[in-house]
Amino acid sequence: MRRQENKRQMRGGFTLLEVLIVLAIIGVIAAMAVPRLLGQQQSANIKVSKTAITNLEQAAKLYAVDNSGEPPTSIDELLNKREDGTAALLDKLPTDAWNNELHYEYSRSKDSDFDGPKIWSNGPNTKDEKGSGDDINNWDDKLN
């Protein structure tokens, strides 16, 4: 009988109750942390998209310097080799954080209150809906 008691005492494992308590604690911590992490991901994607828009805007300004102050009328002009034989200003079509192409529009209208090309991303919902409220652009807040 003595031998059987020693075997039980020497066995060093966790009880089912201890394991369940640890899993419950991990679950509570995960429930608090996951929503915060998801919010940070969305914020990071928006910042990446703003950076892509700024980079495209800078490429358009470089193009304008070489073309008497006129920005390109389309992104295609930034992708093609320039007339003097130098490389294109962009290697590929720029995309936002959701891997959708950026939109580019430039009109020579003097009636516009925004000077320069308008560049935007469809935003987190990735749908091309005007006024959806989640679009990211370079004319509303100048990419603060």
N, C-alpha and C. Protein backbone atom coordinates (compact mmCIF):
# COMPACT_ATOMS: atom_id res chain seq x y z
N MET A 1 0.82 -1.19 0.00
CA MET A 1 0.00 0.00 0.00
C MET A 1 0.86 1.26 0.00
N ARG A 2 1.92 1.20 0.75
CA ARG A 2 2.83 2.33 0.84
C ARG A 2 3.42 2.69 -0.52
N ARG A 3 3.71 1.67 -1.29
CA ARG A 3 4.29 1.85 -2.60
C ARG A 3 3.34 2.59 -3.55
N GLN A 4 2.06 2.33 -3.48
CA GLN A 4 1.08 2.97 -4.34
C GLN A 4 0.93 4.45 -4.00
N GLU A 5 0.99 4.82 -2.72
CA GLU A 5 0.92 6.22 -2.33
C GLU A 5 2.11 7.00 -2.85
N ASN A 6 3.29 6.44 -2.81
CA ASN A 6 4.49 7.11 -3.31
C ASN A 6 4.38 7.39 -4.80
N LYS A 7 3.80 6.46 -5.55
CA LYS A 7 3.65 6.67 -6.99
C LYS A 7 2.72 7.85 -7.27
N ARG A 8 1.65 7.96 -6.50
CA ARG A 8 0.73 9.08 -6.69
C ARG A 8 1.39 10.40 -6.36
N GLN A 9 2.17 10.44 -5.32
CA GLN A 9 2.83 11.69 -4.93
C GLN A 9 3.92 12.07 -5.92
N MET A 10 4.59 11.13 -6.49
CA MET A 10 5.69 11.41 -7.41
C MET A 10 5.19 11.86 -8.78
N ARG A 11 3.99 11.48 -9.12
CA ARG A 11 3.44 11.87 -10.41
C ARG A 11 3.18 13.37 -10.36
N GLY A 12 3.88 14.15 -11.16
CA GLY A 12 3.74 15.60 -11.12
C GLY A 12 3.03 16.13 -12.33
N GLY A 13 1.75 16.12 -12.36
CA GLY A 13 0.99 16.65 -13.49
C GLY A 13 0.01 17.71 -13.02
N PHE A 14 -0.75 18.25 -13.99
CA PHE A 14 -1.76 19.25 -13.67
C PHE A 14 -3.13 18.59 -13.63
N THR A 15 -3.96 19.07 -12.76
CA THR A 15 -5.32 18.55 -12.73
C THR A 15 -6.14 19.25 -13.81
N LEU A 16 -7.25 18.66 -14.13
CA LEU A 16 -8.13 19.25 -15.14
C LEU A 16 -8.59 20.65 -14.71
N LEU A 17 -8.85 20.83 -13.45
CA LEU A 17 -9.29 22.13 -12.93
C LEU A 17 -8.20 23.19 -13.13
N GLU A 18 -6.96 22.85 -12.87
CA GLU A 18 -5.87 23.82 -13.05
C GLU A 18 -5.73 24.22 -14.51
N VAL A 19 -5.83 23.26 -15.39
CA VAL A 19 -5.73 23.55 -16.82
C VAL A 19 -6.88 24.44 -17.26
N LEU A 20 -8.08 24.18 -16.81
CA LEU A 20 -9.24 24.99 -17.17
C LEU A 20 -9.11 26.42 -16.65
N ILE A 21 -8.57 26.58 -15.46
CA ILE A 21 -8.38 27.93 -14.91
C ILE A 21 -7.37 28.71 -15.74
N VAL A 22 -6.27 28.07 -16.12
CA VAL A 22 -5.26 28.74 -16.96
C VAL A 22 -5.87 29.12 -18.32
N LEU A 23 -6.63 28.22 -18.92
CA LEU A 23 -7.28 28.53 -20.20
C LEU A 23 -8.27 29.68 -20.07
N ALA A 24 -8.99 29.74 -18.97
CA ALA A 24 -9.92 30.84 -18.74
C ALA A 24 -9.18 32.16 -18.63
N ILE A 25 -8.06 32.17 -17.93
CA ILE A 25 -7.26 33.41 -17.79
C ILE A 25 -6.73 33.84 -19.15
N ILE A 26 -6.22 32.90 -19.93
CA ILE A 26 -5.72 33.23 -21.27
C ILE A 26 -6.85 33.78 -22.13
N GLY A 27 -8.04 33.19 -22.02
CA GLY A 27 -9.20 33.67 -22.78
C GLY A 27 -9.58 35.09 -22.43
N VAL A 28 -9.53 35.44 -21.15
CA VAL A 28 -9.86 36.80 -20.71
C VAL A 28 -8.83 37.79 -21.26
N ILE A 29 -7.57 37.44 -21.17
CA ILE A 29 -6.51 38.32 -21.69
C ILE A 29 -6.67 38.51 -23.20
N ALA A 30 -6.93 37.43 -23.93
CA ALA A 30 -7.11 37.52 -25.38
C ALA A 30 -8.32 38.37 -25.73
N ALA A 31 -9.40 38.24 -24.95
CA ALA A 31 -10.60 39.04 -25.21
C ALA A 31 -10.35 40.52 -25.04
N MET A 32 -9.43 40.88 -24.17
CA MET A 32 -9.10 42.29 -23.98
C MET A 32 -8.11 42.79 -25.04
N ALA A 33 -7.19 41.93 -25.48
CA ALA A 33 -6.11 42.37 -26.37
C ALA A 33 -6.50 42.38 -27.84
N VAL A 34 -7.26 41.41 -28.30
CA VAL A 34 -7.55 41.27 -29.73
C VAL A 34 -8.26 42.50 -30.31
N PRO A 35 -9.29 43.06 -29.70
CA PRO A 35 -9.91 44.25 -30.29
C PRO A 35 -8.94 45.43 -30.44
N ARG A 36 -8.06 45.58 -29.48
CA ARG A 36 -7.07 46.67 -29.59
C ARG A 36 -6.13 46.42 -30.76
N LEU A 37 -5.70 45.19 -30.94
CA LEU A 37 -4.79 44.89 -32.04
C LEU A 37 -5.47 45.09 -33.38
N LEU A 38 -6.73 44.71 -33.50
CA LEU A 38 -7.45 44.89 -34.76
C LEU A 38 -7.61 46.37 -35.08
N GLY A 39 -7.85 47.19 -34.09
CA GLY A 39 -7.95 48.63 -34.30
C GLY A 39 -6.63 49.23 -34.77
N GLN A 40 -5.54 48.72 -34.27
CA GLN A 40 -4.23 49.20 -34.69
C GLN A 40 -3.94 48.81 -36.14
N GLN A 41 -4.39 47.64 -36.55
CA GLN A 41 -4.18 47.21 -37.93
C GLN A 41 -4.89 48.14 -38.90
N GLN A 42 -6.12 48.50 -38.58
CA GLN A 42 -6.88 49.41 -39.44
C GLN A 42 -6.19 50.77 -39.52
N SER A 43 -5.73 51.26 -38.40
CA SER A 43 -5.03 52.54 -38.36
C SER A 43 -3.74 52.48 -39.19
N ALA A 44 -3.02 51.37 -39.09
CA ALA A 44 -1.79 51.22 -39.86
C ALA A 44 -2.08 51.17 -41.36
N ASN A 45 -3.15 50.48 -41.76
CA ASN A 45 -3.52 50.42 -43.17
C ASN A 45 -3.87 51.80 -43.72
N ILE A 46 -4.54 52.61 -42.93
CA ILE A 46 -4.89 53.96 -43.37
C ILE A 46 -3.62 54.79 -43.54
N LYS A 47 -2.67 54.66 -42.61
CA LYS A 47 -1.42 55.41 -42.72
C LYS A 47 -0.60 54.97 -43.94
N VAL A 48 -0.59 53.68 -44.22
CA VAL A 48 0.11 53.17 -45.41
C VAL A 48 -0.52 53.75 -46.67
N SER A 49 -1.84 53.81 -46.72
CA SER A 49 -2.54 54.36 -47.88
C SER A 49 -2.25 55.84 -48.04
N LYS A 50 -2.21 56.58 -46.93
CA LYS A 50 -1.88 58.01 -47.01
C LYS A 50 -0.47 58.21 -47.54
N THR A 51 0.44 57.34 -47.14
CA THR A 51 1.81 57.43 -47.63
C THR A 51 1.87 57.15 -49.13
N ALA A 52 1.12 56.16 -49.60
CA ALA A 52 1.09 55.85 -51.03
C ALA A 52 0.53 57.03 -51.82
N ILE A 53 -0.50 57.67 -51.28
CA ILE A 53 -1.08 58.84 -51.95
C ILE A 53 -0.06 59.97 -52.00
N THR A 54 0.64 60.20 -50.90
CA THR A 54 1.66 61.25 -50.87
C THR A 54 2.77 60.96 -51.88
N ASN A 55 3.19 59.70 -51.98
CA ASN A 55 4.23 59.34 -52.94
C ASN A 55 3.78 59.58 -54.38
N LEU A 56 2.54 59.24 -54.68
CA LEU A 56 2.01 59.49 -56.02
C LEU A 56 1.92 60.98 -56.29
N GLU A 57 1.53 61.73 -55.28
CA GLU A 57 1.45 63.19 -55.42
C GLU A 57 2.84 63.78 -55.70
N GLN A 58 3.85 63.26 -55.03
CA GLN A 58 5.22 63.73 -55.26
C GLN A 58 5.70 63.39 -56.67
N ALA A 59 5.36 62.21 -57.16
CA ALA A 59 5.71 61.84 -58.53
C ALA A 59 5.05 62.78 -59.53
N ALA A 60 3.80 63.15 -59.26
CA ALA A 60 3.09 64.08 -60.14
C ALA A 60 3.76 65.46 -60.12
N LYS A 61 4.24 65.87 -58.96
CA LYS A 61 4.94 67.16 -58.86
C LYS A 61 6.26 67.13 -59.62
N LEU A 62 6.98 66.01 -59.54
CA LEU A 62 8.22 65.87 -60.31
C LEU A 62 7.94 65.93 -61.81
N TYR A 63 6.86 65.29 -62.22
CA TYR A 63 6.46 65.33 -63.62
C TYR A 63 6.17 66.78 -64.04
N ALA A 64 5.49 67.51 -63.17
CA ALA A 64 5.13 68.89 -63.48
C ALA A 64 6.37 69.76 -63.63
N VAL A 65 7.39 69.50 -62.85
CA VAL A 65 8.63 70.28 -62.95
C VAL A 65 9.22 70.15 -64.35
N ASP A 66 9.16 68.96 -64.92
CA ASP A 66 9.72 68.72 -66.25
C ASP A 66 8.78 69.12 -67.38
N ASN A 67 7.53 69.48 -67.06
CA ASN A 67 6.54 69.77 -68.09
C ASN A 67 5.86 71.12 -67.88
N SER A 68 6.61 72.14 -67.70
CA SER A 68 6.12 73.52 -67.59
C SER A 68 5.05 73.69 -66.51
N GLY A 69 5.17 72.96 -65.44
CA GLY A 69 4.24 73.12 -64.33
C GLY A 69 2.93 72.37 -64.46
N GLU A 70 2.76 71.61 -65.54
CA GLU A 70 1.52 70.86 -65.74
C GLU A 70 1.65 69.44 -65.20
N PRO A 71 0.81 69.08 -64.23
CA PRO A 71 0.84 67.70 -63.74
C PRO A 71 0.32 66.75 -64.82
N PRO A 72 0.58 65.46 -64.67
CA PRO A 72 0.06 64.51 -65.66
C PRO A 72 -1.46 64.44 -65.61
N THR A 73 -2.05 64.19 -66.76
CA THR A 73 -3.51 64.07 -66.80
C THR A 73 -3.98 62.68 -66.39
N SER A 74 -3.06 61.72 -66.40
CA SER A 74 -3.40 60.35 -65.95
C SER A 74 -2.15 59.70 -65.35
N ILE A 75 -2.37 58.63 -64.62
CA ILE A 75 -1.25 57.89 -64.02
C ILE A 75 -0.37 57.29 -65.11
N ASP A 76 -0.96 56.97 -66.26
CA ASP A 76 -0.19 56.36 -67.35
C ASP A 76 1.01 57.21 -67.75
N GLU A 77 0.88 58.52 -67.67
CA GLU A 77 1.99 59.39 -68.03
C GLU A 77 3.17 59.24 -67.06
N LEU A 78 2.91 58.81 -65.86
CA LEU A 78 3.97 58.58 -64.89
C LEU A 78 4.62 57.20 -65.08
N LEU A 79 3.92 56.30 -65.75
CA LEU A 79 4.42 54.94 -65.95
C LEU A 79 5.23 54.79 -67.23
N ASN A 80 5.05 55.70 -68.17
CA ASN A 80 5.73 55.61 -69.46
C ASN A 80 7.09 56.29 -69.41
N LYS A 81 8.00 55.80 -70.27
CA LYS A 81 9.30 56.45 -70.40
C LYS A 81 9.08 57.89 -70.84
N ARG A 82 9.91 58.76 -70.33
CA ARG A 82 9.74 60.17 -70.69
C ARG A 82 10.32 60.45 -72.07
N GLU A 83 9.92 61.59 -72.63
CA GLU A 83 10.33 61.93 -74.00
C GLU A 83 11.84 62.04 -74.15
N ASP A 84 12.52 62.46 -73.10
CA ASP A 84 13.99 62.60 -73.19
C ASP A 84 14.71 61.26 -73.02
N GLY A 85 13.95 60.16 -72.89
CA GLY A 85 14.53 58.83 -72.79
C GLY A 85 14.82 58.37 -71.37
N THR A 86 14.61 59.24 -70.40
CA THR A 86 14.86 58.83 -69.02
C THR A 86 13.74 57.90 -68.53
N ALA A 87 14.03 57.22 -67.46
CA ALA A 87 13.09 56.23 -66.93
C ALA A 87 11.79 56.88 -66.48
N ALA A 88 10.76 56.06 -66.42
CA ALA A 88 9.46 56.51 -65.94
C ALA A 88 9.55 56.87 -64.46
N LEU A 89 8.68 57.73 -64.00
CA LEU A 89 8.69 58.13 -62.59
C LEU A 89 8.14 57.03 -61.68
N LEU A 90 7.30 56.15 -62.21
CA LEU A 90 6.75 55.04 -61.44
C LEU A 90 7.04 53.72 -62.15
N ASP A 91 7.38 52.69 -61.38
CA ASP A 91 7.62 51.36 -61.95
C ASP A 91 6.31 50.61 -62.20
N LYS A 92 5.34 50.81 -61.30
CA LYS A 92 4.07 50.09 -61.40
C LYS A 92 2.97 50.98 -60.85
N LEU A 93 1.74 50.57 -61.10
CA LEU A 93 0.61 51.32 -60.58
C LEU A 93 0.62 51.28 -59.05
N PRO A 94 0.52 52.43 -58.41
CA PRO A 94 0.52 52.43 -56.95
C PRO A 94 -0.78 51.87 -56.39
N THR A 95 -0.67 51.19 -55.25
CA THR A 95 -1.83 50.60 -54.60
C THR A 95 -1.92 51.08 -53.15
N ASP A 96 -3.11 50.92 -52.60
CA ASP A 96 -3.31 51.25 -51.18
C ASP A 96 -3.00 50.03 -50.33
N ALA A 97 -3.25 50.11 -49.05
CA ALA A 97 -2.94 49.02 -48.12
C ALA A 97 -3.80 47.78 -48.36
N TRP A 98 -4.91 47.94 -49.04
CA TRP A 98 -5.81 46.81 -49.33
C TRP A 98 -5.55 46.26 -50.72
N ASN A 99 -4.43 46.67 -51.31
CA ASN A 99 -3.95 46.21 -52.61
C ASN A 99 -4.88 46.59 -53.76
N ASN A 100 -5.57 47.71 -53.63
CA ASN A 100 -6.39 48.26 -54.72
C ASN A 100 -5.66 49.46 -55.31
N GLU A 101 -5.80 49.65 -56.61
CA GLU A 101 -5.13 50.76 -57.27
C GLU A 101 -5.67 52.09 -56.75
N LEU A 102 -4.77 53.07 -56.69
CA LEU A 102 -5.19 54.43 -56.32
C LEU A 102 -5.87 55.08 -57.52
N HIS A 103 -6.77 55.98 -57.25
CA HIS A 103 -7.46 56.73 -58.30
C HIS A 103 -6.77 58.08 -58.47
N TYR A 104 -6.68 58.51 -59.71
CA TYR A 104 -6.00 59.77 -60.03
C TYR A 104 -6.87 60.56 -60.99
N GLU A 105 -7.05 61.83 -60.67
CA GLU A 105 -7.87 62.68 -61.54
C GLU A 105 -7.28 64.09 -61.55
N TYR A 106 -7.09 64.62 -62.74
CA TYR A 106 -6.62 66.00 -62.83
C TYR A 106 -7.37 66.70 -63.94
N SER A 107 -7.96 67.82 -63.57
CA SER A 107 -8.60 68.65 -64.59
C SER A 107 -8.01 70.05 -64.47
N ARG A 108 -7.95 70.71 -65.58
CA ARG A 108 -7.33 72.04 -65.60
C ARG A 108 -8.32 73.15 -65.25
N SER A 109 -9.39 72.80 -64.60
CA SER A 109 -10.42 73.77 -64.24
C SER A 109 -9.90 74.76 -63.20
N LYS A 110 -10.07 76.02 -63.42
CA LYS A 110 -9.67 77.05 -62.47
C LYS A 110 -10.75 77.27 -61.41
N ASP A 111 -11.92 76.64 -61.60
CA ASP A 111 -13.02 76.79 -60.65
C ASP A 111 -12.83 75.95 -59.39
N SER A 112 -11.92 74.99 -59.47
CA SER A 112 -11.72 74.07 -58.35
C SER A 112 -11.04 74.78 -57.19
N ASP A 113 -11.44 74.44 -55.97
CA ASP A 113 -10.80 75.03 -54.79
C ASP A 113 -9.55 74.25 -54.38
N PHE A 114 -9.27 73.15 -55.08
CA PHE A 114 -8.09 72.35 -54.79
C PHE A 114 -7.13 72.45 -55.95
N ASP A 115 -5.90 72.81 -55.67
CA ASP A 115 -4.90 72.98 -56.72
C ASP A 115 -4.08 71.70 -56.85
N GLY A 116 -4.11 71.08 -58.00
CA GLY A 116 -3.33 69.87 -58.24
C GLY A 116 -4.20 68.67 -58.52
N PRO A 117 -3.56 67.54 -58.76
CA PRO A 117 -4.32 66.33 -59.04
C PRO A 117 -4.99 65.79 -57.79
N LYS A 118 -6.17 65.23 -57.98
CA LYS A 118 -6.88 64.58 -56.87
C LYS A 118 -6.52 63.10 -56.90
N ILE A 119 -6.08 62.60 -55.74
CA ILE A 119 -5.67 61.20 -55.62
C ILE A 119 -6.42 60.61 -54.44
N TRP A 120 -7.00 59.42 -54.62
CA TRP A 120 -7.73 58.82 -53.51
C TRP A 120 -7.71 57.30 -53.57
N SER A 121 -7.97 56.74 -52.39
CA SER A 121 -8.14 55.30 -52.21
C SER A 121 -9.58 55.07 -51.80
N ASN A 122 -10.11 53.91 -52.13
CA ASN A 122 -11.48 53.59 -51.74
C ASN A 122 -11.61 53.34 -50.25
N GLY A 123 -10.51 53.19 -49.55
CA GLY A 123 -10.53 53.03 -48.11
C GLY A 123 -10.80 51.61 -47.67
N PRO A 124 -11.07 51.45 -46.37
CA PRO A 124 -11.23 50.11 -45.80
C PRO A 124 -12.32 49.25 -46.42
N ASN A 125 -13.42 49.86 -46.89
CA ASN A 125 -14.47 49.02 -47.46
C ASN A 125 -14.16 48.61 -48.90
N THR A 126 -13.11 49.18 -49.48
CA THR A 126 -12.60 48.89 -50.83
C THR A 126 -13.65 49.04 -51.93
N LYS A 127 -14.77 49.70 -51.64
CA LYS A 127 -15.81 49.89 -52.64
C LYS A 127 -15.71 51.31 -53.21
N ASP A 128 -15.86 51.40 -54.52
CA ASP A 128 -15.79 52.68 -55.20
C ASP A 128 -17.14 53.38 -55.10
N GLU A 129 -17.42 53.91 -53.93
CA GLU A 129 -18.69 54.61 -53.69
C GLU A 129 -18.37 56.03 -53.27
N LYS A 130 -18.79 56.98 -54.04
CA LYS A 130 -18.57 58.38 -53.68
C LYS A 130 -19.34 58.68 -52.40
N GLY A 131 -18.68 59.33 -51.48
CA GLY A 131 -19.34 59.73 -50.26
C GLY A 131 -19.57 58.61 -49.26
N SER A 132 -18.81 57.51 -49.38
CA SER A 132 -19.00 56.40 -48.44
C SER A 132 -18.42 56.72 -47.07
N GLY A 133 -17.62 57.77 -47.00
CA GLY A 133 -17.11 58.23 -45.72
C GLY A 133 -15.80 57.60 -45.29
N ASP A 134 -15.37 56.53 -45.94
CA ASP A 134 -14.12 55.92 -45.52
C ASP A 134 -13.01 56.08 -46.57
N ASP A 135 -13.29 56.82 -47.63
CA ASP A 135 -12.26 57.06 -48.64
C ASP A 135 -11.12 57.88 -48.05
N ILE A 136 -9.93 57.64 -48.55
CA ILE A 136 -8.74 58.37 -48.12
C ILE A 136 -8.28 59.18 -49.32
N ASN A 137 -8.12 60.48 -49.15
CA ASN A 137 -7.75 61.31 -50.30
C ASN A 137 -6.75 62.38 -49.91
N ASN A 138 -6.32 63.15 -50.91
CA ASN A 138 -5.33 64.19 -50.65
C ASN A 138 -5.92 65.61 -50.67
N TRP A 139 -7.23 65.74 -50.68
CA TRP A 139 -7.79 67.09 -50.71
C TRP A 139 -8.60 67.47 -49.48
N ASP A 140 -9.08 66.51 -48.71
CA ASP A 140 -9.89 66.87 -47.54
C ASP A 140 -9.06 67.48 -46.41
N ASP A 141 -8.07 66.74 -45.97
CA ASP A 141 -7.30 67.21 -44.82
C ASP A 141 -5.81 67.32 -45.12
N LYS A 142 -5.47 67.25 -46.38
CA LYS A 142 -4.07 67.28 -46.82
C LYS A 142 -3.22 66.26 -46.09
N LEU A 143 -3.79 65.09 -45.85
CA LEU A 143 -3.09 63.93 -45.30
C LEU A 143 -2.38 64.21 -44.00
N ASN A 144 -3.11 64.70 -43.04
CA ASN A 144 -2.51 64.99 -41.72
C ASN A 144 -1.85 63.78 -41.14
